[in-house]
C-alpha atoms as a PDB file:
ATOM      1  CA  UNK A   1       3.012 -23.997   7.765  1.00  0.00           C
ATOM      2  CA  UNK A   2       0.221 -21.317   8.236  1.00  0.00           C
ATOM      3  CA  UNK A   3      -0.903 -21.055  11.575  1.00  0.00           C
ATOM      4  CA  UNK A   4      -4.934 -21.312  12.381  1.00  0.00           C
ATOM      5  CA  UNK A   5      -5.370 -17.552  11.580  1.00  0.00           C
ATOM      6  CA  UNK A   6      -7.162 -15.975   8.555  1.00  0.00           C
ATOM      7  CA  UNK A   7      -4.555 -14.709   5.846  1.00  0.00           C
ATOM      8  CA  UNK A   8      -4.329 -11.362   4.684  1.00  0.00           C
ATOM      9  CA  UNK A   9      -2.308 -10.011   1.951  1.00  0.00           C
ATOM     10  CA  UNK A  10      -1.508  -6.455   0.953  1.00  0.00           C
ATOM     11  CA  UNK A  11       1.609  -4.490  -0.561  1.00  0.00           C
ATOM     12  CA  UNK A  12       2.683  -1.369  -2.161  1.00  0.00           C
ATOM     13  CA  UNK A  13       4.626  -0.438  -5.405  1.00  0.00           C
ATOM     14  CA  UNK A  14       8.249   0.225  -5.158  1.00  0.00           C
ATOM     15  CA  UNK A  15       7.876   3.618  -7.101  1.00  0.00           C
ATOM     16  CA  UNK A  16       8.200   7.167  -5.719  1.00  0.00           C
ATOM     17  CA  UNK A  17       8.709   7.968  -1.945  1.00  0.00           C
ATOM     18  CA  UNK A  18       6.106   6.968   0.516  1.00  0.00           C
ATOM     19  CA  UNK A  19       4.125   9.866   2.109  1.00  0.00           C
ATOM     20  CA  UNK A  20       2.825  10.727   5.567  1.00  0.00           C
ATOM     21  CA  UNK A  21      -0.624   9.617   3.945  1.00  0.00           C
ATOM     22  CA  UNK A  22       0.555   6.148   2.973  1.00  0.00           C
ATOM     23  CA  UNK A  23       1.927   5.794   6.591  1.00  0.00           C
ATOM     24  CA  UNK A  24      -1.004   7.011   8.509  1.00  0.00           C
ATOM     25  CA  UNK A  25      -3.732   5.546   5.989  1.00  0.00           C
ATOM     26  CA  UNK A  26      -2.142   2.101   5.689  1.00  0.00           C
ATOM     27  CA  UNK A  27       1.397   1.308   6.932  1.00  0.00           C
ATOM     28  CA  UNK A  28       0.680   1.804  10.684  1.00  0.00           C
ATOM     29  CA  UNK A  29      -2.471  -0.079  10.410  1.00  0.00           C
ATOM     30  CA  UNK A  30      -0.719  -2.880   8.846  1.00  0.00           C
ATOM     31  CA  UNK A  31       1.606  -3.307  12.266  1.00  0.00           C
ATOM     32  CA  UNK A  32      -1.467  -3.997  14.264  1.00  0.00           C
ATOM     33  CA  UNK A  33      -2.828  -6.635  12.187  1.00  0.00           C
ATOM     34  CA  UNK A  34      -0.079  -9.170  12.537  1.00  0.00           C
ATOM     35  CA  UNK A  35      -1.273 -10.772  16.003  1.00  0.00           C
ATOM     36  CA  UNK A  36      -4.753 -11.577  14.488  1.00  0.00           C
ATOM     37  CA  UNK A  37      -3.637 -12.515  10.812  1.00  0.00           C
ATOM     38  CA  UNK A  38      -0.959 -14.372   9.183  1.00  0.00           C
ATOM     39  CA  UNK A  39       0.094 -11.624   6.936  1.00  0.00           C
ATOM     40  CA  UNK A  40       1.986 -11.267   3.787  1.00  0.00           C
ATOM     41  CA  UNK A  41       3.206  -7.656   2.972  1.00  0.00           C
ATOM     42  CA  UNK A  42       4.787  -7.622  -0.554  1.00  0.00           C
ATOM     43  CA  UNK A  43       6.815  -5.273  -2.257  1.00  0.00           C
ATOM     44  CA  UNK A  44       5.180  -5.501  -5.522  1.00  0.00           C
ATOM     45  CA  UNK A  45       7.861  -4.411  -7.936  1.00  0.00           C
ATOM     46  CA  UNK A  46       6.490  -6.648 -10.716  1.00  0.00           C
ATOM     47  CA  UNK A  47       3.494  -4.113 -10.998  1.00  0.00           C
ATOM     48  CA  UNK A  48       5.952  -1.156 -11.020  1.00  0.00           C
ATOM     49  CA  UNK A  49       7.336  -1.953 -14.625  1.00  0.00           C
ATOM     50  CA  UNK A  50       4.158  -1.032 -16.275  1.00  0.00           C
ATOM     51  CA  UNK A  51       5.360   2.157 -16.599  1.00  0.00           C
ATOM     52  CA  UNK A  52       9.371   2.585 -17.496  1.00  0.00           C
ATOM     53  CA  UNK A  53      11.612   2.529 -14.576  1.00  0.00           C
ATOM     54  CA  UNK A  54      15.366   3.193 -14.388  1.00  0.00           C
ATOM     55  CA  UNK A  55      16.382  -0.078 -13.307  1.00  0.00           C
ATOM     56  CA  UNK A  56      19.132   0.920 -10.727  1.00  0.00           C
ATOM     57  CA  UNK A  57      16.538   3.113  -9.021  1.00  0.00           C
ATOM     58  CA  UNK A  58      14.032   0.487  -9.015  1.00  0.00           C
ATOM     59  CA  UNK A  59      16.199  -1.687  -7.300  1.00  0.00           C
ATOM     60  CA  UNK A  60      17.241   0.995  -4.709  1.00  0.00           C
ATOM     61  CA  UNK A  61      13.578   1.968  -4.005  1.00  0.00           C
ATOM     62  CA  UNK A  62      12.478  -1.793  -3.557  1.00  0.00           C
ATOM     63  CA  UNK A  63      14.996  -2.317  -0.812  1.00  0.00           C
ATOM     64  CA  UNK A  64      14.050   0.916   0.655  1.00  0.00           C
ATOM     65  CA  UNK A  65      10.586   0.003   0.924  1.00  0.00           C
ATOM     66  CA  UNK A  66      11.156  -3.415   2.369  1.00  0.00           C
ATOM     67  CA  UNK A  67      13.139  -1.836   5.026  1.00  0.00           C
ATOM     68  CA  UNK A  68      10.933   0.889   5.898  1.00  0.00           C
ATOM     69  CA  UNK A  69       8.190  -2.044   6.382  1.00  0.00           C
ATOM     70  CA  UNK A  70      10.594  -3.059   9.089  1.00  0.00           C
ATOM     71  CA  UNK A  71      11.330   0.366  10.220  1.00  0.00           C
ATOM     72  CA  UNK A  72       7.515   1.116  10.529  1.00  0.00           C
ATOM     73  CA  UNK A  73       6.979  -1.769  12.881  1.00  0.00           C
ATOM     74  CA  UNK A  74       6.354  -4.828  10.960  1.00  0.00           C
ATOM     75  CA  UNK A  75       8.166  -7.690  12.606  1.00  0.00           C
ATOM     76  CA  UNK A  76       9.826 -10.082   9.820  1.00  0.00           C
ATOM     77  CA  UNK A  77       9.500 -12.821  12.121  1.00  0.00           C
ATOM     78  CA  UNK A  78       5.726 -12.598  12.511  1.00  0.00           C
ATOM     79  CA  UNK A  79       5.022 -10.979   9.016  1.00  0.00           C
ATOM     80  CA  UNK A  80       6.132 -12.407   5.502  1.00  0.00           C
ATOM     81  CA  UNK A  81       7.739  -9.437   3.968  1.00  0.00           C
ATOM     82  CA  UNK A  82       9.130 -10.030   0.461  1.00  0.00           C
ATOM     83  CA  UNK A  83       9.742  -9.096  -3.194  1.00  0.00           C
ATOM     84  CA  UNK A  84       7.179 -10.002  -5.202  1.00  0.00           C
ATOM     85  CA  UNK A  85       9.679 -10.442  -8.187  1.00  0.00           C
ATOM     86  CA  UNK A  86      11.505 -13.091  -5.721  1.00  0.00           C
ATOM     87  CA  UNK A  87       8.138 -15.442  -5.994  1.00  0.00           C
ATOM     88  CA  UNK A  88       7.962 -16.757  -9.619  1.00  0.00           C
ATOM     89  CA  UNK A  89       4.662 -18.308  -8.547  1.00  0.00           C
ATOM     90  CA  UNK A  90       2.997 -14.760  -8.872  1.00  0.00           C
ATOM     91  CA  UNK A  91       3.454 -14.425 -12.883  1.00  0.00           C
ATOM     92  CA  UNK A  92       3.182 -18.217 -13.595  1.00  0.00           C
ATOM     93  CA  UNK A  93      -0.486 -17.855 -11.699  1.00  0.00           C
ATOM     94  CA  UNK A  94      -1.027 -14.618 -13.586  1.00  0.00           C
ATOM     95  CA  UNK A  95      -1.075 -16.317 -17.031  1.00  0.00           C
ATOM     96  CA  UNK A  96      -3.113 -18.999 -16.120  1.00  0.00           C
ATOM     97  CA  UNK A  97      -5.672 -16.515 -14.618  1.00  0.00           C
ATOM     98  CA  UNK A  98      -5.598 -14.384 -17.705  1.00  0.00           C
ATOM     99  CA  UNK A  99      -7.191 -17.130 -19.558  1.00  0.00           C
ATOM    100  CA  UNK A 100      -9.916 -17.025 -17.090  1.00  0.00           C
ATOM    101  CA  UNK A 101     -10.596 -13.396 -17.213  1.00  0.00           C
ATOM    102  CA  UNK A 102     -12.615 -11.687 -20.084  1.00  0.00           C
ATOM    103  CA  UNK A 103     -11.637  -8.567 -21.934  1.00  0.00           C
ATOM    104  CA  UNK A 104     -14.828  -7.030 -21.238  1.00  0.00           C
ATOM    105  CA  UNK A 105     -13.968  -7.025 -17.241  1.00  0.00           C
ATOM    106  CA  UNK A 106     -10.676  -5.599 -17.943  1.00  0.00           C
ATOM    107  CA  UNK A 107     -12.054  -2.699 -20.343  1.00  0.00           C
ATOM    108  CA  UNK A 108     -14.104  -1.483 -17.259  1.00  0.00           C
ATOM    109  CA  UNK A 109     -10.979  -1.132 -15.038  1.00  0.00           C
ATOM    110  CA  UNK A 110     -10.928   2.729 -14.257  1.00  0.00           C
ATOM    111  CA  UNK A 111      -7.299   2.517 -13.139  1.00  0.00           C
ATOM    112  CA  UNK A 112      -6.071   1.439 -16.897  1.00  0.00           C
ATOM    113  CA  UNK A 113      -8.170   4.227 -18.287  1.00  0.00           C
ATOM    114  CA  UNK A 114      -6.551   7.004 -15.933  1.00  0.00           C
ATOM    115  CA  UNK A 115      -2.922   5.524 -16.148  1.00  0.00           C
ATOM    116  CA  UNK A 116      -3.363   5.160 -20.205  1.00  0.00           C
ATOM    117  CA  UNK A 117      -4.322   8.917 -20.080  1.00  0.00           C
ATOM    118  CA  UNK A 118      -1.214   9.568 -18.211  1.00  0.00           C
ATOM    119  CA  UNK A 119       1.256   7.525 -20.269  1.00  0.00           C
ATOM    120  CA  UNK A 120      -0.218   7.766 -23.614  1.00  0.00           C
ATOM    121  CA  UNK A 121       3.004   6.998 -25.123  1.00  0.00           C
ATOM    122  CA  UNK A 122       3.385   3.254 -23.358  1.00  0.00           C
ATOM    123  CA  UNK A 123      -0.200   1.631 -23.194  1.00  0.00           C
ATOM    124  CA  UNK A 124       1.371  -1.813 -22.733  1.00  0.00           C
ATOM    125  CA  UNK A 125      -0.362  -5.175 -22.266  1.00  0.00           C
ATOM    126  CA  UNK A 126       0.878  -5.246 -18.631  1.00  0.00           C
ATOM    127  CA  UNK A 127      -0.974  -2.270 -17.881  1.00  0.00           C
ATOM    128  CA  UNK A 128      -4.032  -3.724 -19.377  1.00  0.00           C
ATOM    129  CA  UNK A 129      -3.809  -7.202 -17.356  1.00  0.00           C
ATOM    130  CA  UNK A 130      -2.323  -5.553 -14.018  1.00  0.00           C
ATOM    131  CA  UNK A 131      -5.689  -6.663 -12.007  1.00  0.00           C
ATOM    132  CA  UNK A 132      -4.863 -10.138 -13.164  1.00  0.00           C
ATOM    133  CA  UNK A 133      -1.552 -10.065 -11.587  1.00  0.00           C
ATOM    134  CA  UNK A 134      -3.185  -8.398  -8.701  1.00  0.00           C
ATOM    135  CA  UNK A 135      -5.615 -11.239  -8.413  1.00  0.00           C
ATOM    136  CA  UNK A 136      -2.776 -13.847  -8.580  1.00  0.00           C
ATOM    137  CA  UNK A 137      -0.934 -11.917  -5.734  1.00  0.00           C
ATOM    138  CA  UNK A 138      -3.971 -12.468  -3.388  1.00  0.00           C
ATOM    139  CA  UNK A 139      -5.116 -15.768  -4.384  1.00  0.00           C
ATOM    140  CA  UNK A 140      -1.742 -17.439  -4.249  1.00  0.00           C
ATOM    141  CA  UNK A 141      -1.827 -17.195  -0.416  1.00  0.00           C
ATOM    142  CA  UNK A 142      -5.094 -18.251   0.014  1.00  0.00           C
ATOM    143  CA  UNK A 143      -5.975 -14.770   1.444  1.00  0.00           C
ATOM    144  CA  UNK A 144      -9.108 -14.120   3.325  1.00  0.00           C
ATOM    145  CA  UNK A 145      -8.992 -10.647   3.694  1.00  0.00           C
ATOM    146  CA  UNK A 146      -7.468  -7.870   1.573  1.00  0.00           C
ATOM    147  CA  UNK A 147      -7.297  -4.087   3.143  1.00  0.00           C
ATOM    148  CA  UNK A 148      -7.982  -1.953   0.118  1.00  0.00           C
ATOM    149  CA  UNK A 149      -8.949   1.708  -0.408  1.00  0.00           C
ATOM    150  CA  UNK A 150     -11.695   2.805  -2.557  1.00  0.00           C
ATOM    151  CA  UNK A 151      -9.564   3.047  -5.748  1.00  0.00           C
ATOM    152  CA  UNK A 152      -8.658  -0.680  -5.503  1.00  0.00           C
ATOM    153  CA  UNK A 153     -12.115  -2.128  -4.628  1.00  0.00           C
ATOM    154  CA  UNK A 154     -12.678  -2.608  -8.145  1.00  0.00           C
ATOM    155  CA  UNK A 155      -9.752  -4.755  -8.536  1.00  0.00           C
ATOM    156  CA  UNK A 156     -10.680  -6.796  -5.560  1.00  0.00           C
ATOM    157  CA  UNK A 157     -14.177  -7.384  -6.773  1.00  0.00           C
ATOM    158  CA  UNK A 158     -12.674  -8.805 -10.272  1.00  0.00           C
ATOM    159  CA  UNK A 159     -10.342 -10.985  -8.024  1.00  0.00           C
ATOM    160  CA  UNK A 160     -13.283 -12.431  -6.606  1.00  0.00           C
ATOM    161  CA  UNK A 161     -14.881 -13.154  -9.835  1.00  0.00           C
ATOM    162  CA  UNK A 162     -12.045 -14.987 -11.096  1.00  0.00           C
ATOM    163  CA  UNK A 163     -11.626 -17.210  -8.042  1.00  0.00           C
ATOM    164  CA  UNK A 164     -15.217 -17.963  -8.171  1.00  0.00           C
ATOM    165  CA  UNK A 165     -15.127 -18.624 -11.826  1.00  0.00           C
ATOM    166  CA  UNK A 166     -12.244 -20.949 -11.570  1.00  0.00           C
ATOM    167  CA  UNK A 167     -13.884 -22.775  -8.601  1.00  0.00           C
ATOM    168  CA  UNK A 168     -17.150 -23.379 -10.469  1.00  0.00           C
ATOM    169  CA  UNK A 169     -15.092 -25.059 -13.014  1.00  0.00           C
ATOM    170  CA  UNK A 170     -12.264 -26.887 -10.892  1.00  0.00           C
ATOM    171  CA  UNK A 171     -13.882 -27.264  -7.434  1.00  0.00           C
ATOM    172  CA  UNK A 172     -12.881 -25.472  -4.113  1.00  0.00           C
ATOM    173  CA  UNK A 173      -9.351 -24.245  -5.285  1.00  0.00           C
ATOM    174  CA  UNK A 174      -9.062 -20.737  -4.198  1.00  0.00           C
ATOM    175  CA  UNK A 175     -10.369 -18.749  -0.850  1.00  0.00           C
ATOM    176  CA  UNK A 176     -12.440 -16.077  -2.066  1.00  0.00           C
ATOM    177  CA  UNK A 177     -10.985 -12.993  -0.367  1.00  0.00           C
ATOM    178  CA  UNK A 178     -12.923 -10.456   1.492  1.00  0.00           C
ATOM    179  CA  UNK A 179     -12.153  -6.683   1.774  1.00  0.00           C
ATOM    180  CA  UNK A 180     -10.726  -6.145   4.972  1.00  0.00           C
ATOM    181  CA  UNK A 181     -13.274  -4.079   7.337  1.00  0.00           C
ATOM    182  CA  UNK A 182     -11.232  -3.010  10.446  1.00  0.00           C
ATOM    183  CA  UNK A 183     -10.238   0.374  11.594  1.00  0.00           C
ATOM    184  CA  UNK A 184     -10.012   2.986   8.961  1.00  0.00           C
ATOM    185  CA  UNK A 185      -6.938   4.701   8.434  1.00  0.00           C
ATOM    186  CA  UNK A 186      -6.787   8.573   8.238  1.00  0.00           C
ATOM    187  CA  UNK A 187      -7.535   9.691   4.516  1.00  0.00           C
ATOM    188  CA  UNK A 188      -4.849  12.011   4.093  1.00  0.00           C
ATOM    189  CA  UNK A 189      -5.333  14.762   1.285  1.00  0.00           C
ATOM    190  CA  UNK A 190      -2.662  16.966  -0.596  1.00  0.00           C
ATOM    191  CA  UNK A 191      -1.581  19.973   1.187  1.00  0.00           C
ATOM    192  CA  UNK A 192      -1.948  22.181  -1.781  1.00  0.00           C
ATOM    193  CA  UNK A 193      -5.055  20.596  -3.011  1.00  0.00           C
ATOM    194  CA  UNK A 194      -7.298  19.004  -0.339  1.00  0.00           C
ATOM    195  CA  UNK A 195      -9.807  17.727  -2.899  1.00  0.00           C
ATOM    196  CA  UNK A 196      -7.344  15.138  -3.637  1.00  0.00           C
ATOM    197  CA  UNK A 197      -5.378  12.479  -1.971  1.00  0.00           C
ATOM    198  CA  UNK A 198      -1.883  12.885  -1.004  1.00  0.00           C
ATOM    199  CA  UNK A 199       0.206  11.303  -3.613  1.00  0.00           C
ATOM    200  CA  UNK A 200       3.906  10.050  -3.790  1.00  0.00           C
ATOM    201  CA  UNK A 201       3.970  11.122  -7.523  1.00  0.00           C
ATOM    202  CA  UNK A 202       2.664  14.612  -7.120  1.00  0.00           C
ATOM    203  CA  UNK A 203       4.379  16.932  -9.401  1.00  0.00           C
ATOM    204  CA  UNK A 204       4.178  19.822  -6.653  1.00  0.00           C
ATOM    205  CA  UNK A 205       6.781  19.456  -4.051  1.00  0.00           C
ATOM    206  CA  UNK A 206       5.021  21.104  -1.337  1.00  0.00           C
ATOM    207  CA  UNK A 207       1.749  18.786  -1.724  1.00  0.00           C
ATOM    208  CA  UNK A 208       3.092  15.700   0.098  1.00  0.00           C
ATOM    209  CA  UNK A 209       5.054  15.021   3.073  1.00  0.00           C
ATOM    210  CA  UNK A 210       7.314  12.264   2.611  1.00  0.00           C
ATOM    211  CA  UNK A 211       8.404   9.595   5.187  1.00  0.00           C
ATOM    212  CA  UNK A 212      12.230  10.741   5.031  1.00  0.00           C
ATOM    213  CA  UNK A 213      11.679  14.468   5.016  1.00  0.00           C
ATOM    214  CA  UNK A 214      13.948  16.203   7.723  1.00  0.00           C
ATOM    215  CA  UNK A 215      12.014  18.394  10.364  1.00  0.00           C
ATOM    216  CA  UNK A 216      12.861  21.730   8.612  1.00  0.00           C
ATOM    217  CA  UNK A 217      11.242  20.517   5.049  1.00  0.00           C
ATOM    218  CA  UNK A 218       8.255  19.099   7.040  1.00  0.00           C
ATOM    219  CA  UNK A 219       7.845  22.441   8.955  1.00  0.00           C
ATOM    220  CA  UNK A 220       8.084  24.623   5.762  1.00  0.00           C
ATOM    221  CA  UNK A 221       5.323  22.334   3.828  1.00  0.00           C
ATOM    222  CA  UNK A 222       2.899  22.715   6.563  1.00  0.00           C
ATOM    223  CA  UNK A 223       3.399  26.346   6.719  1.00  0.00           C
ATOM    224  CA  UNK A 224       2.645  26.506   3.121  1.00  0.00           C
ATOM    225  CA  UNK A 225      -0.691  24.394   3.240  1.00  0.00           C
ATOM    226  CA  UNK A 226      -3.462  25.426   1.715  1.00  0.00           C
ATOM    227  CA  UNK A 227      -6.322  26.784   4.165  1.00  0.00           C
ATOM    228  CA  UNK A 228      -9.214  29.501   3.660  1.00  0.00           C
ATOM    229  CA  UNK A 229     -10.219  32.781   4.844  1.00  0.00           C
ATOM    230  CA  UNK A 230     -12.475  31.501   7.748  1.00  0.00           C
ATOM    231  CA  UNK A 231      -9.659  32.048  10.143  1.00  0.00           C
ATOM    232  CA  UNK A 232     -10.988  29.308  12.601  1.00  0.00           C
ATOM    233  CA  UNK A 233      -9.821  25.688  13.508  1.00  0.00           C
ATOM    234  CA  UNK A 234     -13.105  23.971  13.055  1.00  0.00           C
ATOM    235  CA  UNK A 235     -13.730  20.617  11.229  1.00  0.00           C
ATOM    236  CA  UNK A 236     -15.987  21.698   8.218  1.00  0.00           C
ATOM    237  CA  UNK A 237     -15.515  19.386   5.266  1.00  0.00           C
ATOM    238  CA  UNK A 238     -17.539  21.966   3.040  1.00  0.00           C
ATOM    239  CA  UNK A 239     -16.421  25.077   3.991  1.00  0.00           C
ATOM    240  CA  UNK A 240     -12.686  24.073   5.285  1.00  0.00           C
ATOM    241  CA  UNK A 241     -11.443  21.098   3.556  1.00  0.00           C
ATOM    242  CA  UNK A 242      -7.842  22.390   4.011  1.00  0.00           C
ATOM    243  CA  UNK A 243      -8.271  22.748   7.911  1.00  0.00           C
ATOM    244  CA  UNK A 244      -9.980  19.674   7.758  1.00  0.00           C
ATOM    245  CA  UNK A 245      -7.057  17.604   6.172  1.00  0.00           C
ATOM    246  CA  UNK A 246      -4.731  19.508   8.902  1.00  0.00           C
ATOM    247  CA  UNK A 247      -6.924  18.294  11.858  1.00  0.00           C
ATOM    248  CA  UNK A 248      -7.142  14.776  10.525  1.00  0.00           C
ATOM    249  CA  UNK A 249      -3.363  14.514  10.283  1.00  0.00           C
ATOM    250  CA  UNK A 250      -3.019  16.246  13.917  1.00  0.00           C
ATOM    251  CA  UNK A 251      -5.637  13.684  15.119  1.00  0.00           C
ATOM    252  CA  UNK A 252      -3.468  10.606  13.453  1.00  0.00           C
ATOM    253  CA  UNK A 253      -0.165  11.996  14.915  1.00  0.00           C
ATOM    254  CA  UNK A 254      -1.447  12.938  18.628  1.00  0.00           C
ATOM    255  CA  UNK A 255      -4.183  10.425  19.382  1.00  0.00           C
ATOM    256  CA  UNK A 256      -6.406  13.436  19.999  1.00  0.00           C
ATOM    257  CA  UNK A 257     -10.235  13.771  18.590  1.00  0.00           C
ATOM    258  CA  UNK A 258     -11.312  16.294  16.444  1.00  0.00           C
ATOM    259  CA  UNK A 259     -13.260  17.826  19.070  1.00  0.00           C
ATOM    260  CA  UNK A 260     -10.126  18.024  21.169  1.00  0.00           C
ATOM    261  CA  UNK A 261      -8.233  19.559  18.680  1.00  0.00           C
ATOM    262  CA  UNK A 262     -11.097  22.150  18.226  1.00  0.00           C
ATOM    263  CA  UNK A 263     -10.879  23.259  21.541  1.00  0.00           C
ATOM    264  CA  UNK A 264      -7.121  23.379  22.068  1.00  0.00           C
ATOM    265  CA  UNK A 265      -6.861  25.675  19.274  1.00  0.00           C
ATOM    266  CA  UNK A 266      -9.826  27.661  19.958  1.00  0.00           C
ATOM    267  CA  UNK A 267      -9.177  31.542  19.494  1.00  0.00           C
ATOM    268  CA  UNK A 268      -5.386  30.737  17.988  1.00  0.00           C
ATOM    269  CA  UNK A 269      -4.680  31.570  14.351  1.00  0.00           C
ATOM    270  CA  UNK A 270      -3.700  29.182  11.475  1.00  0.00           C
ATOM    271  CA  UNK A 271      -0.217  30.179  11.908  1.00  0.00           C
ATOM    272  CA  UNK A 272       0.101  28.353  15.576  1.00  0.00           C
ATOM    273  CA  UNK A 273      -2.008  25.522  14.232  1.00  0.00           C
ATOM    274  CA  UNK A 274       0.110  24.796  11.247  1.00  0.00           C
ATOM    275  CA  UNK A 275       3.141  24.816  13.469  1.00  0.00           C
ATOM    276  CA  UNK A 276       1.617  22.261  15.966  1.00  0.00           C
ATOM    277  CA  UNK A 277       0.671  19.874  13.304  1.00  0.00           C
ATOM    278  CA  UNK A 278       4.008  20.228  11.660  1.00  0.00           C
ATOM    279  CA  UNK A 279       5.548  19.675  15.184  1.00  0.00           C
ATOM    280  CA  UNK A 280       3.212  16.534  15.526  1.00  0.00           C
ATOM    281  CA  UNK A 281       4.499  14.975  12.336  1.00  0.00           C
ATOM    282  CA  UNK A 282       8.162  15.371  13.098  1.00  0.00           C
ATOM    283  CA  UNK A 283       7.862  13.833  16.409  1.00  0.00           C
ATOM    284  CA  UNK A 284       5.568  11.011  14.686  1.00  0.00           C
ATOM    285  CA  UNK A 285       8.014  10.194  12.035  1.00  0.00           C
ATOM    286  CA  UNK A 286      11.608  10.870  14.033  1.00  0.00           C
ATOM    287  CA  UNK A 287      11.647   7.444  15.739  1.00  0.00           C
ATOM    288  CA  UNK A 288      10.618   5.607  12.165  1.00  0.00           C
ATOM    289  CA  UNK A 289      13.643   7.713  10.545  1.00  0.00           C
ATOM    290  CA  UNK A 290      15.934   6.646  13.376  1.00  0.00           C
ATOM    291  CA  UNK A 291      15.137   2.981  13.123  1.00  0.00           C
ATOM    292  CA  UNK A 292      15.242   3.600   9.398  1.00  0.00           C
ATOM    293  CA  UNK A 293      18.705   4.765   9.366  1.00  0.00           C
ATOM    294  CA  UNK A 294      19.987   2.079  11.800  1.00  0.00           C
ATOM    295  CA  UNK A 295      18.553  -0.800   9.520  1.00  0.00           C
ATOM    296  CA  UNK A 296      19.976   0.598   6.472  1.00  0.00           C
ATOM    297  CA  UNK A 297      23.671   0.341   8.064  1.00  0.00           C
ATOM    298  CA  UNK A 298      22.650  -3.351   8.745  1.00  0.00           C
ATOM    299  CA  UNK A 299      23.127  -4.926   5.372  1.00  0.00           C
ATOM    300  CA  UNK A 300      23.451  -8.496   6.171  1.00  0.00           C
ATOM    301  CA  UNK A 301      20.165  -8.507   8.477  1.00  0.00           C
ATOM    302  CA  UNK A 302      18.121  -7.034   5.773  1.00  0.00           C
ATOM    303  CA  UNK A 303      19.874  -9.716   3.150  1.00  0.00           C
ATOM    304  CA  UNK A 304      18.898 -12.546   5.613  1.00  0.00           C
ATOM    305  CA  UNK A 305      15.212 -11.451   6.078  1.00  0.00           C
ATOM    306  CA  UNK A 306      14.972 -10.971   1.939  1.00  0.00           C
ATOM    307  CA  UNK A 307      16.208 -14.472   1.774  1.00  0.00           C
ATOM    308  CA  UNK A 308      14.400 -16.033   4.320  1.00  0.00           C
ATOM    309  CA  UNK A 309      10.985 -14.198   3.784  1.00  0.00           C
ATOM    310  CA  UNK A 310      11.093 -15.040  -0.237  1.00  0.00           C
ATOM    311  CA  UNK A 311      11.528 -18.808   0.954  1.00  0.00           C
ATOM    312  CA  UNK A 312       8.327 -18.498   2.796  1.00  0.00           C
ATOM    313  CA  UNK A 313       6.509 -16.959   0.336  1.00  0.00           C
ATOM    314  CA  UNK A 314       7.711 -19.251  -2.277  1.00  0.00           C
ATOM    315  CA  UNK A 315       6.571 -22.389  -0.095  1.00  0.00           C
ATOM    316  CA  UNK A 316       3.205 -21.197   0.532  1.00  0.00           C
ATOM    317  CA  UNK A 317       2.781 -19.811  -3.094  1.00  0.00           C
ATOM    318  CA  UNK A 318       4.090 -22.781  -4.849  1.00  0.00           C
ATOM    319  CA  UNK A 319       1.461 -25.076  -2.931  1.00  0.00           C
ATOM    320  CA  UNK A 320      -1.346 -23.086  -4.494  1.00  0.00           C
ATOM    321  CA  UNK A 321       0.263 -22.982  -7.742  1.00  0.00           C
ATOM    322  CA  UNK A 322       0.938 -26.817  -8.116  1.00  0.00           C
ATOM    323  CA  UNK A 323      -2.691 -27.426  -7.204  1.00  0.00           C
ATOM    324  CA  UNK A 324      -3.863 -24.904  -9.890  1.00  0.00           C
ATOM    325  CA  UNK A 325      -1.360 -26.454 -12.366  1.00  0.00           C
ATOM    326  CA  UNK A 326      -2.815 -30.023 -11.846  1.00  0.00           C
ATOM    327  CA  UNK A 327      -6.497 -28.815 -12.125  1.00  0.00           C
ATOM    328  CA  UNK A 328      -5.873 -27.290 -15.456  1.00  0.00           C
ATOM    329  CA  UNK A 329      -4.141 -30.320 -16.993  1.00  0.00           C
ATOM    330  CA  UNK A 330      -0.591 -29.419 -16.783  1.00  0.00           C
ATOM    331  CA  UNK A 331       1.646 -32.639 -16.814  1.00  0.00           C
ATOM    332  CA  UNK A 332       2.854 -33.601 -13.103  1.00  0.00           C
ATOM    333  CA  UNK A 333       6.585 -32.802 -12.441  1.00  0.00           C
ATOM    334  CA  UNK A 334       9.142 -35.640 -12.267  1.00  0.00           C
ATOM    335  CA  UNK A 335      10.813 -35.628  -8.787  1.00  0.00           C
END
């Protein structure tokens, strides 16, 4: 049973390798929320197949992501950490919600337009209705809050619209979720193009630092990071976006302020600063990587978590699904 806490839902796709941007911007903040909220953290593998995936690789990445949640500090006894595909209620509710979502609403989704342009040979119906599945993810658990970035805010607004539309017909069925307003995680930009976010799918191998990168690789990527000709470690977003990004990363890893960082590197060159940022990232990721290595050796423990958390997620999700099925008029199940 859920405790008397507000419910929080979030998840990540089991595609690509997580970057320090995913960790510093989201994952490390999730860890801080489990005392305040009843948290459901999903590996959203149903969403992953809107783009063609290698089956063996998808299974491998999904397990690695779930294990990484735990390695990063999410306690599976305090948080429900599960595979989306192991809870059939996600797909079942998504179909029902499709019937309460308008084509015009889905046509306005900017991510559909973006992904369609990148995958012109596979513009499938799942890609189009992706936001409805996201709405089902959230509404199944009666989530009060959802941590979202700017790029997902449009989808959360659609989720709210669907919930309110359904409630207006059938009564108070769904909790209408709010965006999570808490401590904002660091927004980490590409090391090669500080005008865009660091991405786990960037084709430039030097643009992103991945959580499982070894120390030498991390140091090399930071030494190659794009800066500018100013020659001063100063937080100036207009003139020095690359340096601003490195300062953000350094502050997120060390706990220092921007002002402290500027003072620390006053009179020093970019070479010294890049080395310091790389070292800070290596130090921050080292415990996570060690924990990940230990967990990957303990197959039985991870399997137990997968089973138990899927059962917990299914129990909560099924309660919502049965209520929805009854409201729309589906026959009751004979027990």
